[in-house]
Amino acid sequence: MNRRQFLSISALSLSLSGCMGVNLSDGTENNPPTATATEAETETSIPNSETKSSTPAQTPEQPHDLYIVNYTTTTEIATVRVLDENGNAVVEGQYELPSERGIEFEDIGARKKEYKIELMIDGTELMPLTWFTASCASVDEAPRGSRDGYVQLRRDSADRLQATLAVDGCDAIIGPEYPTGLAQGFRVEE
């Protein structure tokens, strides 16, 4: 590069840098923003020293999901009933369980509750399962962690369908091994 080119580029750079200056003379450069009343009031206290956001979409009263995952290579039609501790049906209906896919019942499990899961496939009633959503309060990393339930439908050595249940361990998320979709999209007319 010759001397004239260097000097002209340097002069141009210097003149442009003056145009890009920022003036923070309004006094706000050293003052952090203050929290608004709604931001300060988003945490409320609830029993058992757990906190809950006032925004229902972030932490609903029933934060745990239930998945039913078909590990077989055939599509099954299942009658599903999930009963709470009082015997009330939280879920009741027929659903298509595509092969190697799962369905998800969103936000149906409350904290520290026990649910009975009943499945009937092609007129055969499977062994009922118990889903307990134990507290995560003792887990430092995840005091409001996940207790999502995963019903796993498989064939045993005699080619009979059987269901087992796995539950997240607060900060240890199991997750379904196959793709899932919201259960209402798999509902079958009875």
C-alpha atoms as a PDB file:
ATOM      1  CA  MET A   1       0.000   0.000   0.000  1.00  0.00           C
ATOM      2  CA  ASN A   2       1.433   3.380  -0.850  1.00  0.00           C
ATOM      3  CA  ARG A   3       1.651   6.325   1.463  1.00  0.00           C
ATOM      4  CA  ARG A   4      -1.215   8.327  -0.155  1.00  0.00           C
ATOM      5  CA  GLN A   5      -3.647   5.418   0.088  1.00  0.00           C
ATOM      6  CA  PHE A   6      -2.724   4.839   3.730  1.00  0.00           C
ATOM      7  CA  LEU A   7      -3.188   8.504   4.662  1.00  0.00           C
ATOM      8  CA  SER A   8      -6.531   8.826   2.873  1.00  0.00           C
ATOM      9  CA  ILE A   9      -7.920   5.677   4.515  1.00  0.00           C
ATOM     10  CA  SER A  10      -6.688   6.840   7.929  1.00  0.00           C
ATOM     11  CA  ALA A  11      -8.273  10.288   7.475  1.00  0.00           C
ATOM     12  CA  LEU A  12     -11.579   8.752   6.374  1.00  0.00           C
ATOM     13  CA  SER A  13     -11.602   6.393   9.368  1.00  0.00           C
ATOM     14  CA  LEU A  14     -10.886   9.226  11.779  1.00  0.00           C
ATOM     15  CA  SER A  15     -13.629  11.453  10.358  1.00  0.00           C
ATOM     16  CA  LEU A  16     -16.215   8.641  10.491  1.00  0.00           C
ATOM     17  CA  SER A  17     -15.386   7.681  14.049  1.00  0.00           C
ATOM     18  CA  GLY A  18     -16.463  11.127  15.219  1.00  0.00           C
ATOM     19  CA  CYS A  19     -19.923  10.513  13.769  1.00  0.00           C
ATOM     20  CA  MET A  20     -20.384   7.299  15.700  1.00  0.00           C
ATOM     21  CA  GLY A  21     -19.913   8.624  19.212  1.00  0.00           C
ATOM     22  CA  VAL A  22     -22.554   7.893  21.865  1.00  0.00           C
ATOM     23  CA  ASN A  23     -23.552  10.461  24.402  1.00  0.00           C
ATOM     24  CA  LEU A  24     -24.933   9.161  27.695  1.00  0.00           C
ATOM     25  CA  SER A  25     -25.202  12.521  29.396  1.00  0.00           C
ATOM     26  CA  ASP A  26     -28.807  11.977  30.509  1.00  0.00           C
ATOM     27  CA  GLY A  27     -27.528  10.500  33.787  1.00  0.00           C
ATOM     28  CA  THR A  28     -28.686   6.927  33.166  1.00  0.00           C
ATOM     29  CA  GLU A  29     -25.360   5.314  32.316  1.00  0.00           C
ATOM     30  CA  ASN A  30     -24.586   4.355  35.925  1.00  0.00           C
ATOM     31  CA  ASN A  31     -28.124   3.723  37.173  1.00  0.00           C
ATOM     32  CA  PRO A  32     -29.416   0.171  36.726  1.00  0.00           C
ATOM     33  CA  PRO A  33     -33.081  -0.237  35.762  1.00  0.00           C
ATOM     34  CA  THR A  34     -35.484  -0.629  38.662  1.00  0.00           C
ATOM     35  CA  ALA A  35     -37.899  -3.516  38.904  1.00  0.00           C
ATOM     36  CA  THR A  36     -41.536  -2.766  38.325  1.00  0.00           C
ATOM     37  CA  ALA A  37     -44.166  -3.816  40.827  1.00  0.00           C
ATOM     38  CA  THR A  38     -45.318  -6.719  38.671  1.00  0.00           C
ATOM     39  CA  GLU A  39     -41.756  -8.066  38.321  1.00  0.00           C
ATOM     40  CA  ALA A  40     -41.173  -7.817  42.069  1.00  0.00           C
ATOM     41  CA  GLU A  41     -44.441  -9.594  42.859  1.00  0.00           C
ATOM     42  CA  THR A  42     -44.025 -12.626  40.576  1.00  0.00           C
ATOM     43  CA  GLU A  43     -42.853 -14.861  43.416  1.00  0.00           C
ATOM     44  CA  THR A  44     -45.384 -15.776  46.094  1.00  0.00           C
ATOM     45  CA  SER A  45     -44.960 -18.169  48.966  1.00  0.00           C
ATOM     46  CA  ILE A  46     -46.804 -21.464  49.115  1.00  0.00           C
ATOM     47  CA  PRO A  47     -46.725 -24.327  51.620  1.00  0.00           C
ATOM     48  CA  ASN A  48     -43.650 -26.533  52.091  1.00  0.00           C
ATOM     49  CA  SER A  49     -41.248 -23.630  51.433  1.00  0.00           C
ATOM     50  CA  GLU A  50     -41.689 -24.008  47.679  1.00  0.00           C
ATOM     51  CA  THR A  51     -42.134 -20.923  45.504  1.00  0.00           C
ATOM     52  CA  LYS A  52     -44.504 -20.533  42.636  1.00  0.00           C
ATOM     53  CA  SER A  53     -44.653 -17.973  39.881  1.00  0.00           C
ATOM     54  CA  SER A  54     -47.923 -16.106  39.598  1.00  0.00           C
ATOM     55  CA  THR A  55     -47.912 -16.793  35.851  1.00  0.00           C
ATOM     56  CA  PRO A  56     -49.965 -19.992  35.422  1.00  0.00           C
ATOM     57  CA  ALA A  57     -48.312 -20.902  32.107  1.00  0.00           C
ATOM     58  CA  GLN A  58     -44.906 -21.170  33.814  1.00  0.00           C
ATOM     59  CA  THR A  59     -45.822 -23.432  36.731  1.00  0.00           C
ATOM     60  CA  PRO A  60     -49.386 -24.763  36.562  1.00  0.00           C
ATOM     61  CA  GLU A  61     -51.100 -26.395  39.494  1.00  0.00           C
ATOM     62  CA  GLN A  62     -50.600 -29.698  37.682  1.00  0.00           C
ATOM     63  CA  PRO A  63     -47.111 -29.412  36.191  1.00  0.00           C
ATOM     64  CA  HIS A  64     -46.502 -33.088  35.406  1.00  0.00           C
ATOM     65  CA  ASP A  65     -47.189 -34.727  32.042  1.00  0.00           C
ATOM     66  CA  LEU A  66     -48.062 -38.347  31.340  1.00  0.00           C
ATOM     67  CA  TYR A  67     -46.752 -40.064  28.207  1.00  0.00           C
ATOM     68  CA  ILE A  68     -47.916 -43.375  26.792  1.00  0.00           C
ATOM     69  CA  VAL A  69     -45.291 -44.683  24.396  1.00  0.00           C
ATOM     70  CA  ASN A  70     -45.819 -47.668  22.083  1.00  0.00           C
ATOM     71  CA  TYR A  71     -42.524 -49.542  21.699  1.00  0.00           C
ATOM     72  CA  THR A  72     -44.087 -52.163  19.423  1.00  0.00           C
ATOM     73  CA  THR A  73     -44.099 -52.199  15.630  1.00  0.00           C
ATOM     74  CA  THR A  74     -47.905 -52.321  15.390  1.00  0.00           C
ATOM     75  CA  THR A  75     -50.447 -49.565  15.933  1.00  0.00           C
ATOM     76  CA  GLU A  76     -52.703 -50.219  18.920  1.00  0.00           C
ATOM     77  CA  ILE A  77     -56.014 -48.741  20.056  1.00  0.00           C
ATOM     78  CA  ALA A  78     -56.016 -48.252  23.819  1.00  0.00           C
ATOM     79  CA  THR A  79     -58.723 -47.348  26.275  1.00  0.00           C
ATOM     80  CA  VAL A  80     -56.972 -45.124  28.803  1.00  0.00           C
ATOM     81  CA  ARG A  81     -58.190 -44.178  32.272  1.00  0.00           C
ATOM     82  CA  VAL A  82     -56.173 -42.141  34.740  1.00  0.00           C
ATOM     83  CA  LEU A  83     -57.773 -41.869  38.157  1.00  0.00           C
ATOM     84  CA  ASP A  84     -56.780 -39.502  40.971  1.00  0.00           C
ATOM     85  CA  GLU A  85     -56.601 -40.446  44.664  1.00  0.00           C
ATOM     86  CA  ASN A  86     -60.372 -39.953  45.023  1.00  0.00           C
ATOM     87  CA  GLY A  87     -61.197 -42.207  42.070  1.00  0.00           C
ATOM     88  CA  ASN A  88     -62.094 -39.290  39.786  1.00  0.00           C
ATOM     89  CA  ALA A  89     -61.147 -39.724  36.125  1.00  0.00           C
ATOM     90  CA  VAL A  90     -58.466 -37.242  35.067  1.00  0.00           C
ATOM     91  CA  VAL A  91     -58.243 -38.910  31.630  1.00  0.00           C
ATOM     92  CA  GLU A  92     -60.782 -41.257  30.066  1.00  0.00           C
ATOM     93  CA  GLY A  93     -61.076 -42.239  26.432  1.00  0.00           C
ATOM     94  CA  GLN A  94     -59.794 -44.253  23.495  1.00  0.00           C
ATOM     95  CA  TYR A  95     -56.560 -43.290  21.784  1.00  0.00           C
ATOM     96  CA  GLU A  96     -54.574 -44.553  18.839  1.00  0.00           C
ATOM     97  CA  LEU A  97     -51.037 -45.520  19.794  1.00  0.00           C
ATOM     98  CA  PRO A  98     -49.010 -45.525  16.554  1.00  0.00           C
ATOM     99  CA  SER A  99     -46.067 -47.913  16.371  1.00  0.00           C
ATOM    100  CA  GLU A 100     -42.882 -46.487  17.820  1.00  0.00           C
ATOM    101  CA  ARG A 101     -44.602 -43.239  18.810  1.00  0.00           C
ATOM    102  CA  GLY A 102     -46.146 -41.788  21.923  1.00  0.00           C
ATOM    103  CA  ILE A 103     -49.000 -39.597  23.085  1.00  0.00           C
ATOM    104  CA  GLU A 104     -48.779 -36.899  25.740  1.00  0.00           C
ATOM    105  CA  PHE A 105     -51.322 -35.803  28.324  1.00  0.00           C
ATOM    106  CA  GLU A 106     -50.105 -32.336  29.285  1.00  0.00           C
ATOM    107  CA  ASP A 107     -50.275 -30.945  32.833  1.00  0.00           C
ATOM    108  CA  ILE A 108     -52.443 -33.633  34.418  1.00  0.00           C
ATOM    109  CA  GLY A 109     -50.328 -34.564  37.451  1.00  0.00           C
ATOM    110  CA  ALA A 110     -50.344 -32.426  40.586  1.00  0.00           C
ATOM    111  CA  ARG A 111     -47.456 -32.457  43.045  1.00  0.00           C
ATOM    112  CA  LYS A 112     -47.350 -35.157  45.727  1.00  0.00           C
ATOM    113  CA  LYS A 113     -50.344 -37.096  44.368  1.00  0.00           C
ATOM    114  CA  GLU A 114     -50.926 -40.701  43.414  1.00  0.00           C
ATOM    115  CA  TYR A 115     -52.673 -41.725  40.196  1.00  0.00           C
ATOM    116  CA  LYS A 116     -53.893 -45.090  38.955  1.00  0.00           C
ATOM    117  CA  ILE A 117     -53.354 -45.722  35.236  1.00  0.00           C
ATOM    118  CA  GLU A 118     -55.584 -48.313  33.584  1.00  0.00           C
ATOM    119  CA  LEU A 119     -55.063 -49.503  29.998  1.00  0.00           C
ATOM    120  CA  MET A 120     -57.170 -51.846  27.909  1.00  0.00           C
ATOM    121  CA  ILE A 121     -55.965 -52.869  24.451  1.00  0.00           C
ATOM    122  CA  ASP A 122     -58.117 -54.948  22.083  1.00  0.00           C
ATOM    123  CA  GLY A 123     -60.364 -55.960  24.965  1.00  0.00           C
ATOM    124  CA  THR A 124     -57.433 -57.099  27.118  1.00  0.00           C
ATOM    125  CA  GLU A 125     -56.988 -55.239  30.368  1.00  0.00           C
ATOM    126  CA  LEU A 126     -53.353 -54.678  31.286  1.00  0.00           C
ATOM    127  CA  MET A 127     -52.050 -54.585  34.852  1.00  0.00           C
ATOM    128  CA  PRO A 128     -52.896 -51.171  36.392  1.00  0.00           C
ATOM    129  CA  LEU A 129     -49.960 -48.882  37.128  1.00  0.00           C
ATOM    130  CA  THR A 130     -49.432 -46.431  39.982  1.00  0.00           C
ATOM    131  CA  TRP A 131     -47.894 -43.033  39.216  1.00  0.00           C
ATOM    132  CA  PHE A 132     -46.729 -41.119  42.289  1.00  0.00           C
ATOM    133  CA  THR A 133     -45.569 -37.527  41.817  1.00  0.00           C
ATOM    134  CA  ALA A 134     -43.300 -37.307  44.856  1.00  0.00           C
ATOM    135  CA  SER A 135     -41.972 -33.954  46.062  1.00  0.00           C
ATOM    136  CA  CYS A 136     -38.686 -32.653  44.686  1.00  0.00           C
ATOM    137  CA  ALA A 137     -38.198 -30.192  47.583  1.00  0.00           C
ATOM    138  CA  SER A 138     -35.156 -32.078  48.916  1.00  0.00           C
ATOM    139  CA  VAL A 139     -33.315 -31.851  45.578  1.00  0.00           C
ATOM    140  CA  ASP A 140     -31.212 -28.662  45.624  1.00  0.00           C
ATOM    141  CA  GLU A 141     -30.829 -28.422  41.850  1.00  0.00           C
ATOM    142  CA  ALA A 142     -34.531 -28.946  41.100  1.00  0.00           C
ATOM    143  CA  PRO A 143     -36.836 -28.251  44.063  1.00  0.00           C
ATOM    144  CA  ARG A 144     -39.785 -27.941  41.675  1.00  0.00           C
ATOM    145  CA  GLY A 145     -38.484 -30.548  39.244  1.00  0.00           C
ATOM    146  CA  SER A 146     -40.234 -32.998  36.992  1.00  0.00           C
ATOM    147  CA  ARG A 147     -42.143 -36.119  37.960  1.00  0.00           C
ATOM    148  CA  ASP A 148     -43.496 -36.755  34.468  1.00  0.00           C
ATOM    149  CA  GLY A 149     -44.694 -40.329  33.988  1.00  0.00           C
ATOM    150  CA  TYR A 150     -43.817 -42.568  31.030  1.00  0.00           C
ATOM    151  CA  VAL A 151     -45.981 -45.611  30.354  1.00  0.00           C
ATOM    152  CA  GLN A 152     -43.976 -47.936  28.136  1.00  0.00           C
ATOM    153  CA  LEU A 153     -45.987 -50.437  26.109  1.00  0.00           C
ATOM    154  CA  ARG A 154     -43.940 -53.473  24.981  1.00  0.00           C
ATOM    155  CA  ARG A 155     -44.392 -57.119  24.070  1.00  0.00           C
ATOM    156  CA  ASP A 156     -43.037 -59.741  26.452  1.00  0.00           C
ATOM    157  CA  SER A 157     -41.320 -63.007  25.463  1.00  0.00           C
ATOM    158  CA  ALA A 158     -44.734 -64.644  24.906  1.00  0.00           C
ATOM    159  CA  ASP A 159     -45.752 -61.781  22.552  1.00  0.00           C
ATOM    160  CA  ARG A 160     -48.259 -60.370  25.062  1.00  0.00           C
ATOM    161  CA  LEU A 161     -48.535 -56.630  25.562  1.00  0.00           C
ATOM    162  CA  GLN A 162     -47.424 -55.330  28.907  1.00  0.00           C
ATOM    163  CA  ALA A 163     -47.087 -51.842  30.319  1.00  0.00           C
ATOM    164  CA  THR A 164     -44.426 -50.529  32.673  1.00  0.00           C
ATOM    165  CA  LEU A 165     -44.037 -47.089  34.199  1.00  0.00           C
ATOM    166  CA  ALA A 166     -40.970 -44.884  34.609  1.00  0.00           C
ATOM    167  CA  VAL A 167     -40.990 -41.510  36.377  1.00  0.00           C
ATOM    168  CA  ASP A 168     -38.623 -38.540  36.101  1.00  0.00           C
ATOM    169  CA  GLY A 169     -36.363 -38.103  39.118  1.00  0.00           C
ATOM    170  CA  CYS A 170     -36.747 -34.332  39.650  1.00  0.00           C
ATOM    171  CA  ASP A 171     -33.542 -33.267  37.902  1.00  0.00           C
ATOM    172  CA  ALA A 172     -33.060 -36.617  36.131  1.00  0.00           C
ATOM    173  CA  ILE A 173     -35.339 -36.446  33.094  1.00  0.00           C
ATOM    174  CA  ILE A 174     -36.063 -39.759  31.388  1.00  0.00           C
ATOM    175  CA  GLY A 175     -37.962 -38.447  28.382  1.00  0.00           C
ATOM    176  CA  PRO A 176     -39.697 -40.576  25.758  1.00  0.00           C
ATOM    177  CA  GLU A 177     -37.382 -42.357  23.326  1.00  0.00           C
ATOM    178  CA  TYR A 178     -39.795 -41.894  20.418  1.00  0.00           C
ATOM    179  CA  PRO A 179     -41.559 -38.814  19.026  1.00  0.00           C
ATOM    180  CA  THR A 180     -44.770 -37.830  20.796  1.00  0.00           C
ATOM    181  CA  GLY A 181     -47.815 -35.705  20.081  1.00  0.00           C
ATOM    182  CA  LEU A 182     -50.605 -34.237  22.198  1.00  0.00           C
ATOM    183  CA  ALA A 183     -53.138 -36.911  23.095  1.00  0.00           C
ATOM    184  CA  GLN A 184     -56.197 -35.076  21.738  1.00  0.00           C
ATOM    185  CA  GLY A 185     -54.755 -35.488  18.237  1.00  0.00           C
ATOM    186  CA  PHE A 186     -54.853 -39.292  18.691  1.00  0.00           C
ATOM    187  CA  ARG A 187     -58.343 -39.509  20.225  1.00  0.00           C
ATOM    188  CA  VAL A 188     -60.569 -42.168  18.648  1.00  0.00           C
ATOM    189  CA  GLU A 189     -64.342 -41.836  18.518  1.00  0.00           C
ATOM    190  CA  GLU A 190     -65.935 -44.469  20.740  1.00  0.00           C
END
